[in-house]
Structures are given as structure tokens and as C-alpha cells.
Amino acid sequence: MSRSHRHNPIRGWTCADSEKRDKRLANRRRRRRNRVLVALGEEPLLDREAYDIDCLGDKDGKQYFDPVTRPECMRK
């Protein structure tokens, strides 16, 4: 993969390896809540109404870095 490099100098601020598990649990929770709401005859929730994006997973946000001083961070 000769073109596998980061295009923007921004990375997640995290101690976690991945957010995959957290995203799967949040989507499962949202789908379950929407099934219940539809069964009750109400409108389903949108993604941003169902849960707080900032409290979704183990990441604590994102950070910018200088690609000149940290070229290793531009690799994926």
C-alpha cells in the first residue's frame, strides 16, 4: 500500500486500541430504542438524538500535530 498515508494532520486522543466495540454497542442501543419507539407509534430518533457523540467511546477527542516534526504520525 504505497499510498497509505494520512491526508490531514489530526489524530484521535486515546489510550484505546479501537472504538469498534463502543460503536457497535451504541448502534445496537440506538436500534433497540428505535424499534420500541416505532412499536409505540412514535417517530424514531436520529443518530445525534439517541446518544451523546462525545461520550460514545474511549477516545477523548482529537488533536492536531505538526507533520514536519512528527512524520511518523502521518502513516496509517
PDB file of N, CA and C in Angstrom:
ATOM      1  N   MET A   1       0.839  -1.178   0.000  1.00  0.00           N
ATOM      2  CA  MET A   1       0.000   0.000   0.000  1.00  0.00           C
ATOM      3  C   MET A   1       0.883   1.239   0.000  1.00  0.00           C
ATOM      4  N   SER A   2       1.344   1.601  -1.141  1.00  0.00           N
ATOM      5  CA  SER A   2       2.283   2.708  -1.235  1.00  0.00           C
ATOM      6  C   SER A   2       1.630   4.052  -0.963  1.00  0.00           C
ATOM      7  N   ARG A   3       0.331   4.145  -1.046  1.00  0.00           N
ATOM      8  CA  ARG A   3      -0.354   5.427  -0.831  1.00  0.00           C
ATOM      9  C   ARG A   3      -1.079   5.483   0.518  1.00  0.00           C
ATOM     10  N   SER A   4      -0.701   4.619   1.406  1.00  0.00           N
ATOM     11  CA  SER A   4      -1.371   4.570   2.696  1.00  0.00           C
ATOM     12  C   SER A   4      -0.760   5.590   3.649  1.00  0.00           C
ATOM     13  N   HIS A   5      -1.179   6.824   3.500  1.00  0.00           N
ATOM     14  CA  HIS A   5      -0.710   7.880   4.390  1.00  0.00           C
ATOM     15  C   HIS A   5      -1.882   8.764   4.786  1.00  0.00           C
ATOM     16  N   ARG A   6      -1.724   9.445   5.867  1.00  0.00           N
ATOM     17  CA  ARG A   6      -2.756  10.314   6.391  1.00  0.00           C
ATOM     18  C   ARG A   6      -2.757  11.623   5.613  1.00  0.00           C
ATOM     19  N   HIS A   7      -3.915  12.120   5.261  1.00  0.00           N
ATOM     20  CA  HIS A   7      -4.021  13.349   4.478  1.00  0.00           C
ATOM     21  C   HIS A   7      -4.106  14.592   5.356  1.00  0.00           C
ATOM     22  N   ASN A   8      -4.658  14.455   6.549  1.00  0.00           N
ATOM     23  CA  ASN A   8      -4.808  15.588   7.461  1.00  0.00           C
ATOM     24  C   ASN A   8      -4.016  15.323   8.735  1.00  0.00           C
ATOM     25  N   PRO A   9      -3.334  16.323   9.274  1.00  0.00           N
ATOM     26  CA  PRO A   9      -2.546  16.106  10.492  1.00  0.00           C
ATOM     27  C   PRO A   9      -3.417  16.154  11.749  1.00  0.00           C
ATOM     28  N   ILE A  10      -4.292  15.178  11.902  1.00  0.00           N
ATOM     29  CA  ILE A  10      -5.163  15.102  13.078  1.00  0.00           C
ATOM     30  C   ILE A  10      -5.299  13.633  13.465  1.00  0.00           C
ATOM     31  N   ARG A  11      -5.250  13.375  14.769  1.00  0.00           N
ATOM     32  CA  ARG A  11      -5.364  12.011  15.279  1.00  0.00           C
ATOM     33  C   ARG A  11      -6.275  11.999  16.491  1.00  0.00           C
ATOM     34  N   GLY A  12      -6.765  10.822  16.806  1.00  0.00           N
ATOM     35  CA  GLY A  12      -7.579  10.663  17.997  1.00  0.00           C
ATOM     36  C   GLY A  12      -6.729  10.641  19.251  1.00  0.00           C
ATOM     37  N   TRP A  13      -7.218  11.244  20.300  1.00  0.00           N
ATOM     38  CA  TRP A  13      -6.545  11.278  21.587  1.00  0.00           C
ATOM     39  C   TRP A  13      -7.099  10.113  22.397  1.00  0.00           C
ATOM     40  N   THR A  14      -6.319   9.043  22.542  1.00  0.00           N
ATOM     41  CA  THR A  14      -6.879   7.846  23.120  1.00  0.00           C
ATOM     42  C   THR A  14      -5.828   6.959  23.764  1.00  0.00           C
ATOM     43  N   CYS A  15      -6.285   6.118  24.643  1.00  0.00           N
ATOM     44  CA  CYS A  15      -5.473   5.029  25.187  1.00  0.00           C
ATOM     45  C   CYS A  15      -6.012   3.699  24.697  1.00  0.00           C
ATOM     46  N   ALA A  16      -7.120   3.740  23.972  1.00  0.00           N
ATOM     47  CA  ALA A  16      -7.762   2.524  23.490  1.00  0.00           C
ATOM     48  C   ALA A  16      -7.168   2.113  22.151  1.00  0.00           C
ATOM     49  N   ASP A  17      -7.223   0.827  21.860  1.00  0.00           N
ATOM     50  CA  ASP A  17      -6.759   0.336  20.569  1.00  0.00           C
ATOM     51  C   ASP A  17      -7.755   0.667  19.472  1.00  0.00           C
ATOM     52  N   SER A  18      -9.048   0.524  19.784  1.00  0.00           N
ATOM     53  CA  SER A  18     -10.071   0.728  18.770  1.00  0.00           C
ATOM     54  C   SER A  18     -11.377   1.147  19.433  1.00  0.00           C
ATOM     55  N   GLU A  19     -12.217   1.823  18.663  1.00  0.00           N
ATOM     56  CA  GLU A  19     -13.547   2.193  19.142  1.00  0.00           C
ATOM     57  C   GLU A  19     -14.629   1.302  18.535  1.00  0.00           C
ATOM     58  N   LYS A  20     -14.224   0.251  17.880  1.00  0.00           N
ATOM     59  CA  LYS A  20     -15.180  -0.597  17.177  1.00  0.00           C
ATOM     60  C   LYS A  20     -16.235  -1.170  18.125  1.00  0.00           C
ATOM     61  N   ARG A  21     -15.818  -1.674  19.263  1.00  0.00           N
ATOM     62  CA  ARG A  21     -16.755  -2.267  20.223  1.00  0.00           C
ATOM     63  C   ARG A  21     -17.741  -1.222  20.735  1.00  0.00           C
ATOM     64  N   ASP A  22     -17.241  -0.027  21.052  1.00  0.00           N
ATOM     65  CA  ASP A  22     -18.097   1.039  21.563  1.00  0.00           C
ATOM     66  C   ASP A  22     -19.127   1.472  20.521  1.00  0.00           C
ATOM     67  N   LYS A  23     -18.704   1.577  19.269  1.00  0.00           N
ATOM     68  CA  LYS A  23     -19.626   1.973  18.209  1.00  0.00           C
ATOM     69  C   LYS A  23     -20.685   0.901  17.977  1.00  0.00           C
ATOM     70  N   ARG A  24     -20.295  -0.357  18.042  1.00  0.00           N
ATOM     71  CA  ARG A  24     -21.269  -1.438  17.859  1.00  0.00           C
ATOM     72  C   ARG A  24     -22.315  -1.427  18.970  1.00  0.00           C
ATOM     73  N   LEU A  25     -21.871  -1.229  20.203  1.00  0.00           N
ATOM     74  CA  LEU A  25     -22.811  -1.190  21.326  1.00  0.00           C
ATOM     75  C   LEU A  25     -23.747   0.014  21.235  1.00  0.00           C
ATOM     76  N   ALA A  26     -23.218   1.155  20.834  1.00  0.00           N
ATOM     77  CA  ALA A  26     -24.047   2.358  20.727  1.00  0.00           C
ATOM     78  C   ALA A  26     -25.090   2.204  19.623  1.00  0.00           C
ATOM     79  N   ASN A  27     -24.707   1.640  18.492  1.00  0.00           N
ATOM     80  CA  ASN A  27     -25.665   1.439  17.407  1.00  0.00           C
ATOM     81  C   ASN A  27     -26.705   0.398  17.762  1.00  0.00           C
ATOM     82  N   ARG A  28     -26.305  -0.638  18.501  1.00  0.00           N
ATOM     83  CA  ARG A  28     -27.267  -1.642  18.950  1.00  0.00           C
ATOM     84  C   ARG A  28     -28.286  -1.014  19.901  1.00  0.00           C
ATOM     85  N   ARG A  29     -27.793  -0.141  20.799  1.00  0.00           N
ATOM     86  CA  ARG A  29     -28.664   0.556  21.738  1.00  0.00           C
ATOM     87  C   ARG A  29     -29.641   1.472  21.002  1.00  0.00           C
ATOM     88  N   ARG A  30     -29.147   2.190  19.988  1.00  0.00           N
ATOM     89  CA  ARG A  30     -29.995   3.101  19.220  1.00  0.00           C
ATOM     90  C   ARG A  30     -31.053   2.333  18.419  1.00  0.00           C
ATOM     91  N   ARG A  31     -30.656   1.229  17.793  1.00  0.00           N
ATOM     92  CA  ARG A  31     -31.632   0.433  17.024  1.00  0.00           C
ATOM     93  C   ARG A  31     -32.707  -0.146  17.927  1.00  0.00           C
ATOM     94  N   ARG A  32     -32.330  -0.622  19.105  1.00  0.00           N
ATOM     95  CA  ARG A  32     -33.300  -1.174  20.054  1.00  0.00           C
ATOM     96  C   ARG A  32     -34.288  -0.102  20.502  1.00  0.00           C
ATOM     97  N   ARG A  33     -33.764   1.079  20.822  1.00  0.00           N
ATOM     98  CA  ARG A  33     -34.631   2.180  21.249  1.00  0.00           C
ATOM     99  C   ARG A  33     -35.589   2.574  20.130  1.00  0.00           C
ATOM    100  N   ASN A  34     -35.109   2.598  18.892  1.00  0.00           N
ATOM    101  CA  ASN A  34     -35.959   2.964  17.759  1.00  0.00           C
ATOM    102  C   ASN A  34     -37.017   1.908  17.490  1.00  0.00           C
ATOM    103  N   ARG A  35     -36.688   0.621  17.676  1.00  0.00           N
ATOM    104  CA  ARG A  35     -37.700  -0.426  17.495  1.00  0.00           C
ATOM    105  C   ARG A  35     -38.839  -0.257  18.493  1.00  0.00           C
ATOM    106  N   VAL A  36     -38.483   0.074  19.745  1.00  0.00           N
ATOM    107  CA  VAL A  36     -39.501   0.272  20.777  1.00  0.00           C
ATOM    108  C   VAL A  36     -40.361   1.489  20.447  1.00  0.00           C
ATOM    109  N   LEU A  37     -39.721   2.591  20.009  1.00  0.00           N
ATOM    110  CA  LEU A  37     -40.476   3.803  19.681  1.00  0.00           C
ATOM    111  C   LEU A  37     -41.420   3.572  18.500  1.00  0.00           C
ATOM    112  N   VAL A  38     -40.977   2.860  17.498  1.00  0.00           N
ATOM    113  CA  VAL A  38     -41.832   2.581  16.336  1.00  0.00           C
ATOM    114  C   VAL A  38     -42.998   1.676  16.742  1.00  0.00           C
ATOM    115  N   ALA A  39     -42.747   0.723  17.626  1.00  0.00           N
ATOM    116  CA  ALA A  39     -43.822  -0.155  18.101  1.00  0.00           C
ATOM    117  C   ALA A  39     -44.863   0.629  18.890  1.00  0.00           C
ATOM    118  N   LEU A  40     -44.438   1.692  19.549  1.00  0.00           N
ATOM    119  CA  LEU A  40     -45.372   2.537  20.296  1.00  0.00           C
ATOM    120  C   LEU A  40     -46.052   3.575  19.405  1.00  0.00           C
ATOM    121  N   GLY A  41     -45.680   3.642  18.139  1.00  0.00           N
ATOM    122  CA  GLY A  41     -46.283   4.579  17.206  1.00  0.00           C
ATOM    123  C   GLY A  41     -45.636   5.949  17.193  1.00  0.00           C
ATOM    124  N   GLU A  42     -44.424   6.066  17.717  1.00  0.00           N
ATOM    125  CA  GLU A  42     -43.717   7.341  17.745  1.00  0.00           C
ATOM    126  C   GLU A  42     -42.644   7.363  16.656  1.00  0.00           C
ATOM    127  N   GLU A  43     -42.101   8.542  16.429  1.00  0.00           N
ATOM    128  CA  GLU A  43     -41.044   8.702  15.436  1.00  0.00           C
ATOM    129  C   GLU A  43     -39.709   8.182  15.990  1.00  0.00           C
ATOM    130  N   PRO A  44     -38.912   7.499  15.164  1.00  0.00           N
ATOM    131  CA  PRO A  44     -37.597   7.052  15.643  1.00  0.00           C
ATOM    132  C   PRO A  44     -36.642   8.225  15.819  1.00  0.00           C
ATOM    133  N   LEU A  45     -35.661   8.026  16.673  1.00  0.00           N
ATOM    134  CA  LEU A  45     -34.667   9.061  16.955  1.00  0.00           C
ATOM    135  C   LEU A  45     -33.598   9.091  15.870  1.00  0.00           C
ATOM    136  N   LEU A  46     -33.039  10.264  15.642  1.00  0.00           N
ATOM    137  CA  LEU A  46     -31.888  10.381  14.765  1.00  0.00           C
ATOM    138  C   LEU A  46     -30.638   9.981  15.543  1.00  0.00           C
ATOM    139  N   ASP A  47     -29.522   9.809  14.846  1.00  0.00           N
ATOM    140  CA  ASP A  47     -28.292   9.370  15.497  1.00  0.00           C
ATOM    141  C   ASP A  47     -27.873  10.306  16.615  1.00  0.00           C
ATOM    142  N   ARG A  48     -27.899  11.592  16.358  1.00  0.00           N
ATOM    143  CA  ARG A  48     -27.402  12.560  17.338  1.00  0.00           C
ATOM    144  C   ARG A  48     -28.386  12.774  18.485  1.00  0.00           C
ATOM    145  N   GLU A  49     -29.625  12.372  18.313  1.00  0.00           N
ATOM    146  CA  GLU A  49     -30.595  12.480  19.404  1.00  0.00           C
ATOM    147  C   GLU A  49     -30.522  11.268  20.324  1.00  0.00           C
ATOM    148  N   ALA A  50     -30.064  10.142  19.809  1.00  0.00           N
ATOM    149  CA  ALA A  50     -30.100   8.899  20.567  1.00  0.00           C
ATOM    150  C   ALA A  50     -29.020   8.842  21.646  1.00  0.00           C
ATOM    151  N   TYR A  51     -27.842   9.378  21.350  1.00  0.00           N
ATOM    152  CA  TYR A  51     -26.760   9.331  22.323  1.00  0.00           C
ATOM    153  C   TYR A  51     -25.830  10.508  22.096  1.00  0.00           C
ATOM    154  N   ASP A  52     -25.040  10.804  23.109  1.00  0.00           N
ATOM    155  CA  ASP A  52     -24.095  11.912  23.043  1.00  0.00           C
ATOM    156  C   ASP A  52     -22.827  11.422  22.343  1.00  0.00           C
ATOM    157  N   ILE A  53     -22.467  12.040  21.239  1.00  0.00           N
ATOM    158  CA  ILE A  53     -21.315  11.618  20.455  1.00  0.00           C
ATOM    159  C   ILE A  53     -20.025  11.737  21.264  1.00  0.00           C
ATOM    160  N   ASP A  54     -19.923  12.756  22.100  1.00  0.00           N
ATOM    161  CA  ASP A  54     -18.702  12.971  22.868  1.00  0.00           C
ATOM    162  C   ASP A  54     -18.479  11.897  23.927  1.00  0.00           C
ATOM    163  N   CYS A  55     -19.538  11.294  24.408  1.00  0.00           N
ATOM    164  CA  CYS A  55     -19.414  10.269  25.444  1.00  0.00           C
ATOM    165  C   CYS A  55     -19.552   8.865  24.868  1.00  0.00           C
ATOM    166  N   LEU A  56     -19.333   8.736  23.578  1.00  0.00           N
ATOM    167  CA  LEU A  56     -19.585   7.465  22.915  1.00  0.00           C
ATOM    168  C   LEU A  56     -18.569   6.397  23.273  1.00  0.00           C
ATOM    169  N   GLY A  57     -17.294   6.707  23.232  1.00  0.00           N
ATOM    170  CA  GLY A  57     -16.314   5.658  23.411  1.00  0.00           C
ATOM    171  C   GLY A  57     -15.147   6.053  24.276  1.00  0.00           C
ATOM    172  N   ASP A  58     -14.058   5.331  24.078  1.00  0.00           N
ATOM    173  CA  ASP A  58     -12.870   5.529  24.898  1.00  0.00           C
ATOM    174  C   ASP A  58     -12.031   6.712  24.454  1.00  0.00           C
ATOM    175  N   LYS A  59     -12.262   7.225  23.261  1.00  0.00           N
ATOM    176  CA  LYS A  59     -11.469   8.356  22.802  1.00  0.00           C
ATOM    177  C   LYS A  59     -11.912   9.629  23.511  1.00  0.00           C
ATOM    178  N   ASP A  60     -10.947  10.507  23.734  1.00  0.00           N
ATOM    179  CA  ASP A  60     -11.217  11.765  24.428  1.00  0.00           C
ATOM    180  C   ASP A  60     -11.193  12.949  23.484  1.00  0.00           C
ATOM    181  N   GLY A  61     -11.425  12.718  22.239  1.00  0.00           N
ATOM    182  CA  GLY A  61     -11.421  13.796  21.263  1.00  0.00           C
ATOM    183  C   GLY A  61     -10.301  13.623  20.253  1.00  0.00           C
ATOM    184  N   LYS A  62      -9.958  14.688  19.576  1.00  0.00           N
ATOM    185  CA  LYS A  62      -8.923  14.652  18.560  1.00  0.00           C
ATOM    186  C   LYS A  62      -7.910  15.750  18.813  1.00  0.00           C
ATOM    187  N   GLN A  63      -6.743  15.596  18.214  1.00  0.00           N
ATOM    188  CA  GLN A  63      -5.697  16.584  18.376  1.00  0.00           C
ATOM    189  C   GLN A  63      -4.972  16.778  17.053  1.00  0.00           C
ATOM    190  N   TYR A  64      -4.526  17.988  16.833  1.00  0.00           N
ATOM    191  CA  TYR A  64      -3.688  18.287  15.678  1.00  0.00           C
ATOM    192  C   TYR A  64      -2.238  18.098  16.071  1.00  0.00           C
ATOM    193  N   PHE A  65      -1.407  17.738  15.095  1.00  0.00           N
ATOM    194  CA  PHE A  65       0.021  17.620  15.336  1.00  0.00           C
ATOM    195  C   PHE A  65       0.766  18.224  14.156  1.00  0.00           C
ATOM    196  N   ASP A  66       2.035  18.494  14.373  1.00  0.00           N
ATOM    197  CA  ASP A  66       2.870  19.089  13.333  1.00  0.00           C
ATOM    198  C   ASP A  66       3.472  17.968  12.488  1.00  0.00           C
ATOM    199  N   PRO A  67       3.100  17.851  11.223  1.00  0.00           N
ATOM    200  CA  PRO A  67       3.615  16.754  10.411  1.00  0.00           C
ATOM    201  C   PRO A  67       5.101  16.880  10.087  1.00  0.00           C
ATOM    202  N   VAL A  68       5.668  18.059  10.243  1.00  0.00           N
ATOM    203  CA  VAL A  68       7.098  18.231   9.975  1.00  0.00           C
ATOM    204  C   VAL A  68       7.928  17.625  11.099  1.00  0.00           C
ATOM    205  N   THR A  69       7.521  17.874  12.335  1.00  0.00           N
ATOM    206  CA  THR A  69       8.278  17.340  13.468  1.00  0.00           C
ATOM    207  C   THR A  69       7.900  15.905  13.808  1.00  0.00           C
ATOM    208  N   ARG A  70       6.704  15.458  13.420  1.00  0.00           N
ATOM    209  CA  ARG A  70       6.248  14.094  13.711  1.00  0.00           C
ATOM    210  C   ARG A  70       5.802  13.393  12.436  1.00  0.00           C
ATOM    211  N   PRO A  71       6.715  13.109  11.502  1.00  0.00           N
ATOM    212  CA  PRO A  71       6.311  12.480  10.231  1.00  0.00           C
ATOM    213  C   PRO A  71       5.798  11.050  10.412  1.00  0.00           C
ATOM    214  N   GLU A  72       6.181  10.381  11.517  1.00  0.00           N
ATOM    215  CA  GLU A  72       5.706   9.011  11.740  1.00  0.00           C
ATOM    216  C   GLU A  72       4.205   8.977  12.009  1.00  0.00           C
ATOM    217  N   CYS A  73       3.642  10.080  12.470  1.00  0.00           N
ATOM    218  CA  CYS A  73       2.199  10.140  12.730  1.00  0.00           C
ATOM    219  C   CYS A  73       1.381  10.278  11.450  1.00  0.00           C
ATOM    220  N   MET A  74       2.028  10.589  10.351  1.00  0.00           N
ATOM    221  CA  MET A  74       1.310  10.702   9.083  1.00  0.00           C
ATOM    222  C   MET A  74       1.115   9.339   8.424  1.00  0.00           C
ATOM    223  N   ARG A  75       1.660   8.288   8.995  1.00  0.00           N
ATOM    224  CA  ARG A  75       1.435   6.939   8.497  1.00  0.00           C
ATOM    225  C   ARG A  75       0.135   6.400   9.071  1.00  0.00           C
ATOM    226  N   LYS A  76      -0.532   5.555   8.338  1.00  0.00           N
ATOM    227  CA  LYS A  76      -1.760   4.944   8.851  1.00  0.00           C
ATOM    228  C   LYS A  76      -1.455   3.649   9.532  1.00  0.00           C
TER     229      LYS A  76
END
